[in-house]
Protein backbone atom coordinates (compact mmCIF):
# COMPACT_ATOMS: atom_id res chain seq x y z
CA LYS A 1 0.17 -0.12 0.14
CA SER A 2 1.34 3.46 -1.16
CA LYS A 3 -0.06 6.78 0.63
CA LYS A 4 -0.15 9.81 -1.65
CA SER A 5 -2.01 12.99 -0.43
CA GLY A 6 -3.95 10.99 2.06
CA TRP A 7 -5.07 8.49 -0.62
CA TRP A 8 -4.07 4.92 -1.11
CA LYS A 9 -2.98 3.25 -3.73
CA VAL A 10 -4.83 -0.60 -4.33
CA ALA A 11 -4.31 -3.08 -6.79
CA PHE A 12 -7.05 -5.13 -8.28
CA TYR A 13 -7.63 -7.51 -11.06
CA ASN A 14 -5.35 -6.17 -13.62
CA GLY A 15 -4.79 -2.84 -12.49
CA SER A 16 -4.21 -0.14 -9.77
CA GLY A 17 -5.89 2.96 -8.55
CA TRP A 18 -6.07 5.57 -5.67
CA VAL A 19 -8.94 5.52 -3.21
CA ASP A 20 -9.85 7.63 -0.02
CA PRO A 21 -9.12 5.11 3.16
CA LYS A 22 -12.51 6.01 4.61
CA TYR A 23 -13.92 3.63 1.72
CA LEU A 24 -11.56 0.56 2.64
CA THR A 25 -12.11 -1.99 5.25
CA SER A 26 -9.42 -4.22 6.80
CA VAL A 27 -9.74 -8.25 6.02
CA THR A 28 -7.21 -10.76 6.56
CA ALA A 29 -5.31 -11.62 3.48
CA MET A 30 -4.77 -14.99 2.06
CA PRO A 31 -1.61 -16.79 2.07
CA SER A 32 1.24 -15.84 -0.32
CA ALA A 33 2.04 -19.87 -0.64
CA LYS A 34 1.90 -21.01 -4.05
CA TYR A 35 0.02 -24.19 -5.19
CA LYS A 36 0.26 -26.44 -8.00
CA ALA A 37 -2.32 -28.44 -10.06
CA ILE A 38 -2.18 -31.87 -9.45
CA LYS A 39 -4.11 -32.94 -12.55
CA LYS A 40 -5.54 -30.82 -15.29
CA LEU A 41 -8.09 -28.73 -14.13
CA PRO A 42 -11.06 -26.53 -15.61
CA VAL A 43 -10.84 -23.01 -14.95
CA TYR A 44 -14.52 -21.38 -14.55
CA ALA A 45 -15.59 -17.74 -13.79
CA LYS A 46 -17.59 -18.68 -10.95
CA ALA A 47 -16.97 -20.91 -8.11
CA LYS A 48 -19.55 -23.41 -10.03
CA SER A 49 -18.96 -25.84 -12.94
CA SER A 50 -22.25 -24.22 -14.62
CA SER A 51 -20.64 -20.82 -14.88
CA LYS A 52 -18.63 -19.87 -18.02
CA TYR A 53 -15.76 -22.11 -19.09
CA LEU A 54 -12.48 -19.65 -18.71
CA GLY A 55 -9.75 -22.40 -19.72
CA THR A 56 -7.55 -24.94 -18.31
CA LEU A 57 -4.96 -25.10 -15.59
CA LYS A 58 -1.95 -27.61 -16.69
CA THR A 59 -0.55 -30.21 -14.46
CA ASN A 60 1.96 -28.89 -12.05
CA LYS A 61 1.11 -24.94 -13.01
CA LYS A 62 1.65 -23.18 -9.78
CA VAL A 63 -0.82 -20.41 -9.04
CA ARG A 64 -1.60 -18.55 -5.99
CA ILE A 65 -5.10 -18.62 -4.15
CA VAL A 66 -7.13 -15.31 -3.99
CA LYS A 67 -9.84 -16.52 -2.14
CA LYS A 68 -12.05 -19.67 -0.91
CA SER A 69 -15.54 -20.54 -1.23
CA ASN A 70 -16.56 -24.13 0.12
CA SER A 71 -14.92 -26.59 -2.07
CA TRP A 72 -13.72 -23.91 -4.57
CA VAL A 73 -10.66 -21.72 -4.68
CA GLN A 74 -10.19 -18.31 -6.93
CA ILE A 75 -6.52 -18.23 -8.19
CA ASN A 76 -4.21 -15.92 -9.28
CA LEU A 77 -2.29 -16.89 -12.53
CA SER A 78 -0.36 -14.04 -13.88
CA GLY A 79 -3.08 -11.54 -13.35
CA HIS A 80 -5.36 -13.70 -14.73
CA TYR A 81 -8.11 -14.86 -12.22
CA GLY A 82 -10.63 -17.75 -12.28
CA TRP A 83 -12.37 -20.66 -10.17
CA VAL A 84 -10.83 -24.20 -9.41
CA GLN A 85 -11.67 -26.99 -7.16
CA ALA A 86 -9.41 -26.89 -4.11
CA LYS A 87 -9.07 -30.48 -3.67
CA TYR A 88 -6.83 -30.67 -7.01
CA LEU A 89 -4.58 -28.03 -5.62
CA ARG A 90 -1.33 -29.23 -3.10
CA LYS A 91 0.89 -26.38 -1.80
CA VAL A 92 4.47 -26.29 -3.12
């Protein structure tokens, strides 16, 4: 986080911007550890297999977990976001 004239710089999806901190709340960050896929995985736009298919995560590809929702995790792979089933990821 950076500060400029009372505003904070924040990162989101594929960009960044400045925001007045009165609009921010504190949250617990996900661990920054990397995980790898133990098999080829479909990646979806939402945490359900009926949502839009975004592509495939290759076996042994390393990703970072952004957040969890039941048995699904949102991943960040080089600035791209999607959802995969958590049971097919292992901590590196």
